[in-house]
Amino acid sequence: DMFADSEQPRFKVRSMYAENQEDHLMFRWPEKFAVGKAGARLSTNVSSLDLLDSPYARNVSQTENFAYVSQYKSIPAFTASLTMTLFENTTMAA
């Protein structure tokens, strides 16, 4: 889901393999790439998003998956790795 209720849009990302309904991550458009007055973008080259603090974000930041963010600065690799972990946990429990 995208929330464009401020100059810095936020994105709610939830895996279909999440253990709980409330398990989700929130990302925010970086401030330097915020939408300016009259909808003009301050920059068009966005290479990252800010991960917002939440209980779930703190939890996944303690996993091996988070190395893709902390070491490699790759949110796509992080979400792919997290998805595979959640998938494995779901299918192993079934």
N, C-alpha and C. Protein backbone atom coordinates (compact mmCIF):
# COMPACT_ATOMS: atom_id res chain seq x y z
N ASP A 1 0.84 -1.18 0.00
CA ASP A 1 0.00 0.00 0.00
C ASP A 1 0.88 1.23 0.00
N MET A 2 0.40 2.29 -0.64
CA MET A 2 1.13 3.55 -0.64
C MET A 2 0.28 4.60 0.04
N PHE A 3 0.91 5.38 0.91
CA PHE A 3 0.25 6.46 1.61
C PHE A 3 0.92 7.75 1.20
N ALA A 4 0.23 8.56 0.41
CA ALA A 4 0.78 9.82 -0.08
C ALA A 4 0.16 10.98 0.68
N ASP A 5 0.08 10.85 1.99
CA ASP A 5 -0.56 11.87 2.81
C ASP A 5 0.40 12.94 3.31
N SER A 6 1.62 12.93 2.84
CA SER A 6 2.61 13.94 3.22
C SER A 6 3.55 14.13 2.04
N GLU A 7 4.54 15.00 2.24
CA GLU A 7 5.52 15.24 1.18
C GLU A 7 6.45 14.06 0.99
N GLN A 8 6.47 13.14 1.96
CA GLN A 8 7.30 11.94 1.88
C GLN A 8 6.38 10.72 1.87
N PRO A 9 6.00 10.24 0.70
CA PRO A 9 5.11 9.08 0.65
C PRO A 9 5.69 7.90 1.41
N ARG A 10 4.79 7.11 2.00
CA ARG A 10 5.18 5.91 2.73
C ARG A 10 4.61 4.69 2.01
N PHE A 11 5.29 3.57 2.17
CA PHE A 11 4.90 2.33 1.52
C PHE A 11 4.80 1.23 2.57
N LYS A 12 3.67 0.56 2.63
CA LYS A 12 3.49 -0.56 3.56
C LYS A 12 3.68 -1.84 2.76
N VAL A 13 4.62 -2.68 3.22
CA VAL A 13 4.95 -3.92 2.52
C VAL A 13 4.68 -5.08 3.46
N ARG A 14 3.83 -5.99 3.01
CA ARG A 14 3.48 -7.16 3.82
C ARG A 14 3.61 -8.40 2.96
N SER A 15 4.25 -9.42 3.50
CA SER A 15 4.42 -10.67 2.77
C SER A 15 3.17 -11.53 2.89
N MET A 16 2.83 -12.20 1.82
CA MET A 16 1.71 -13.14 1.88
C MET A 16 2.06 -14.34 2.75
N TYR A 17 3.33 -14.50 3.10
CA TYR A 17 3.78 -15.59 3.95
C TYR A 17 4.01 -15.15 5.40
N ALA A 18 3.63 -13.94 5.74
CA ALA A 18 3.83 -13.42 7.10
C ALA A 18 3.08 -14.28 8.11
N GLU A 19 3.68 -14.44 9.27
CA GLU A 19 3.08 -15.25 10.32
C GLU A 19 1.85 -14.58 10.92
N ASN A 20 1.88 -13.26 11.04
CA ASN A 20 0.79 -12.50 11.65
C ASN A 20 0.31 -11.40 10.71
N GLN A 21 -0.94 -11.05 10.82
CA GLN A 21 -1.54 -10.02 9.97
C GLN A 21 -0.84 -8.67 10.14
N GLU A 22 -0.37 -8.39 11.37
CA GLU A 22 0.25 -7.09 11.64
C GLU A 22 1.73 -7.05 11.27
N ASP A 23 2.30 -8.15 10.80
CA ASP A 23 3.71 -8.18 10.39
C ASP A 23 3.86 -7.48 9.03
N HIS A 24 4.43 -6.31 9.06
CA HIS A 24 4.66 -5.56 7.83
C HIS A 24 5.82 -4.59 8.04
N LEU A 25 6.36 -4.13 6.95
CA LEU A 25 7.43 -3.13 6.98
C LEU A 25 6.89 -1.84 6.37
N MET A 26 7.34 -0.73 6.89
CA MET A 26 6.98 0.57 6.35
C MET A 26 8.24 1.25 5.83
N PHE A 27 8.17 1.69 4.60
CA PHE A 27 9.27 2.44 3.99
C PHE A 27 8.78 3.84 3.70
N ARG A 28 9.71 4.79 3.70
CA ARG A 28 9.38 6.19 3.40
C ARG A 28 10.33 6.71 2.34
N TRP A 29 9.77 7.49 1.45
CA TRP A 29 10.56 8.18 0.45
C TRP A 29 11.57 9.06 1.19
N PRO A 30 12.85 9.03 0.84
CA PRO A 30 13.83 9.86 1.55
C PRO A 30 13.49 11.34 1.44
N GLU A 31 13.82 12.09 2.48
CA GLU A 31 13.47 13.50 2.52
C GLU A 31 14.01 14.29 1.34
N LYS A 32 15.25 13.99 0.92
CA LYS A 32 15.83 14.75 -0.19
C LYS A 32 15.14 14.46 -1.52
N PHE A 33 14.29 13.42 -1.55
CA PHE A 33 13.54 13.11 -2.76
C PHE A 33 12.05 13.37 -2.59
N ALA A 34 11.71 14.15 -1.59
CA ALA A 34 10.31 14.42 -1.29
C ALA A 34 9.65 15.20 -2.43
N VAL A 35 8.35 15.18 -2.44
CA VAL A 35 7.58 15.92 -3.43
C VAL A 35 7.49 17.36 -2.95
N GLY A 36 7.89 18.28 -3.80
CA GLY A 36 7.86 19.69 -3.44
C GLY A 36 6.50 20.31 -3.71
N LYS A 37 6.43 21.61 -3.62
CA LYS A 37 5.18 22.33 -3.87
C LYS A 37 4.70 22.09 -5.30
N ALA A 38 3.43 22.05 -5.46
CA ALA A 38 2.79 21.83 -6.76
C ALA A 38 3.16 20.48 -7.35
N GLY A 39 3.60 19.54 -6.49
CA GLY A 39 3.88 18.19 -6.94
C GLY A 39 5.20 18.00 -7.65
N ALA A 40 6.03 19.04 -7.71
CA ALA A 40 7.32 18.92 -8.39
C ALA A 40 8.27 18.09 -7.56
N ARG A 41 8.94 17.17 -8.17
CA ARG A 41 9.92 16.33 -7.47
C ARG A 41 11.22 17.11 -7.31
N LEU A 42 11.82 16.98 -6.13
CA LEU A 42 13.09 17.64 -5.88
C LEU A 42 14.22 16.92 -6.60
N SER A 43 14.04 15.62 -6.83
CA SER A 43 15.01 14.83 -7.58
C SER A 43 14.27 13.64 -8.17
N THR A 44 14.73 13.14 -9.27
CA THR A 44 14.06 12.01 -9.91
C THR A 44 14.86 10.71 -9.79
N ASN A 45 16.04 10.77 -9.19
CA ASN A 45 16.89 9.59 -9.09
C ASN A 45 16.87 9.03 -7.67
N VAL A 46 15.87 8.20 -7.38
CA VAL A 46 15.75 7.61 -6.06
C VAL A 46 16.40 6.24 -6.08
N SER A 47 17.39 6.03 -5.22
CA SER A 47 18.08 4.75 -5.19
C SER A 47 17.87 4.02 -3.87
N SER A 48 17.11 4.63 -2.95
CA SER A 48 16.86 3.98 -1.67
C SER A 48 15.58 4.50 -1.05
N LEU A 49 15.12 3.77 -0.05
CA LEU A 49 13.98 4.19 0.76
C LEU A 49 14.41 4.10 2.21
N ASP A 50 13.75 4.86 3.07
CA ASP A 50 14.03 4.77 4.50
C ASP A 50 13.13 3.71 5.11
N LEU A 51 13.70 2.77 5.85
CA LEU A 51 12.93 1.77 6.58
C LEU A 51 12.53 2.38 7.91
N LEU A 52 11.22 2.44 8.16
CA LEU A 52 10.72 3.05 9.39
C LEU A 52 10.74 2.04 10.54
N ASP A 53 10.92 2.55 11.73
CA ASP A 53 10.99 1.71 12.92
C ASP A 53 9.61 1.14 13.27
N SER A 54 9.59 -0.13 13.63
CA SER A 54 8.39 -0.82 14.10
C SER A 54 8.86 -2.08 14.80
N PRO A 55 7.99 -2.71 15.59
CA PRO A 55 8.39 -3.97 16.24
C PRO A 55 8.85 -5.02 15.22
N TYR A 56 8.14 -5.13 14.10
CA TYR A 56 8.51 -6.12 13.08
C TYR A 56 9.84 -5.76 12.43
N ALA A 57 10.05 -4.48 12.15
CA ALA A 57 11.33 -4.05 11.56
C ALA A 57 12.49 -4.34 12.50
N ARG A 58 12.28 -4.10 13.80
CA ARG A 58 13.34 -4.42 14.77
C ARG A 58 13.60 -5.92 14.80
N ASN A 59 12.56 -6.72 14.69
CA ASN A 59 12.70 -8.17 14.69
C ASN A 59 13.50 -8.65 13.48
N VAL A 60 13.11 -8.22 12.29
CA VAL A 60 13.81 -8.70 11.10
C VAL A 60 15.21 -8.09 10.96
N SER A 61 15.46 -6.98 11.64
CA SER A 61 16.81 -6.40 11.59
C SER A 61 17.82 -7.25 12.34
N GLN A 62 17.33 -8.20 13.13
CA GLN A 62 18.21 -9.11 13.88
C GLN A 62 18.46 -10.41 13.12
N THR A 63 17.92 -10.54 11.92
CA THR A 63 18.08 -11.76 11.14
C THR A 63 19.19 -11.63 10.12
N GLU A 64 19.60 -12.75 9.56
CA GLU A 64 20.61 -12.75 8.50
C GLU A 64 20.13 -12.00 7.26
N ASN A 65 18.82 -12.00 7.03
CA ASN A 65 18.26 -11.32 5.86
C ASN A 65 18.64 -9.84 5.82
N PHE A 66 18.79 -9.24 7.00
CA PHE A 66 19.02 -7.80 7.07
C PHE A 66 20.40 -7.40 6.57
N ALA A 67 21.29 -8.35 6.40
CA ALA A 67 22.62 -8.05 5.86
C ALA A 67 22.51 -7.43 4.46
N TYR A 68 21.46 -7.78 3.74
CA TYR A 68 21.29 -7.20 2.41
C TYR A 68 21.03 -5.70 2.48
N VAL A 69 20.50 -5.22 3.59
CA VAL A 69 20.31 -3.79 3.78
C VAL A 69 21.56 -3.17 4.39
N SER A 70 22.03 -3.74 5.49
CA SER A 70 23.14 -3.13 6.23
C SER A 70 24.47 -3.19 5.48
N GLN A 71 24.74 -4.29 4.79
CA GLN A 71 26.03 -4.41 4.09
C GLN A 71 25.96 -4.02 2.62
N TYR A 72 24.88 -4.43 1.95
CA TYR A 72 24.82 -4.24 0.50
C TYR A 72 23.88 -3.13 0.06
N LYS A 73 23.14 -2.56 1.01
CA LYS A 73 22.23 -1.44 0.71
C LYS A 73 21.20 -1.80 -0.36
N SER A 74 20.70 -3.04 -0.30
CA SER A 74 19.76 -3.51 -1.31
C SER A 74 18.44 -3.93 -0.68
N ILE A 75 17.44 -3.09 -0.81
CA ILE A 75 16.10 -3.43 -0.31
C ILE A 75 15.49 -4.56 -1.14
N PRO A 76 15.63 -4.58 -2.47
CA PRO A 76 15.08 -5.72 -3.23
C PRO A 76 15.66 -7.07 -2.80
N ALA A 77 16.97 -7.14 -2.57
CA ALA A 77 17.58 -8.39 -2.13
C ALA A 77 17.09 -8.75 -0.72
N PHE A 78 16.94 -7.75 0.15
CA PHE A 78 16.44 -7.97 1.50
C PHE A 78 15.02 -8.54 1.47
N THR A 79 14.14 -7.92 0.71
CA THR A 79 12.75 -8.39 0.68
C THR A 79 12.66 -9.77 0.02
N ALA A 80 13.49 -10.04 -0.97
CA ALA A 80 13.50 -11.37 -1.59
C ALA A 80 13.97 -12.42 -0.59
N SER A 81 15.03 -12.12 0.14
CA SER A 81 15.55 -13.05 1.13
C SER A 81 14.54 -13.27 2.26
N LEU A 82 13.92 -12.19 2.72
CA LEU A 82 12.91 -12.30 3.77
C LEU A 82 11.71 -13.13 3.28
N THR A 83 11.30 -12.93 2.04
CA THR A 83 10.20 -13.71 1.47
C THR A 83 10.55 -15.19 1.44
N MET A 84 11.75 -15.53 1.03
CA MET A 84 12.15 -16.94 1.00
C MET A 84 12.17 -17.55 2.40
N THR A 85 12.65 -16.79 3.39
CA THR A 85 12.66 -17.29 4.76
C THR A 85 11.24 -17.52 5.26
N LEU A 86 10.35 -16.55 5.02
CA LEU A 86 8.96 -16.70 5.46
C LEU A 86 8.28 -17.86 4.73
N PHE A 87 8.57 -18.01 3.44
CA PHE A 87 8.02 -19.12 2.67
C PHE A 87 8.47 -20.45 3.25
N GLU A 88 9.76 -20.57 3.52
CA GLU A 88 10.30 -21.82 4.09
C GLU A 88 9.68 -22.11 5.45
N ASN A 89 9.52 -21.07 6.28
CA ASN A 89 8.90 -21.27 7.59
C ASN A 89 7.45 -21.70 7.47
N THR A 90 6.74 -21.17 6.49
CA THR A 90 5.33 -21.51 6.29
C THR A 90 5.17 -22.92 5.77
N THR A 91 5.98 -23.29 4.78
CA THR A 91 5.85 -24.62 4.18
C THR A 91 6.40 -25.72 5.08
N MET A 92 7.38 -25.41 5.90
CA MET A 92 7.93 -26.40 6.84
C MET A 92 6.92 -26.70 7.94
N ALA A 93 6.13 -25.68 8.31
CA ALA A 93 5.16 -25.85 9.39
C ALA A 93 3.91 -26.57 8.91
N ALA A 94 3.70 -26.60 7.62
CA ALA A 94 2.47 -27.18 7.08
C ALA A 94 2.52 -28.71 7.03
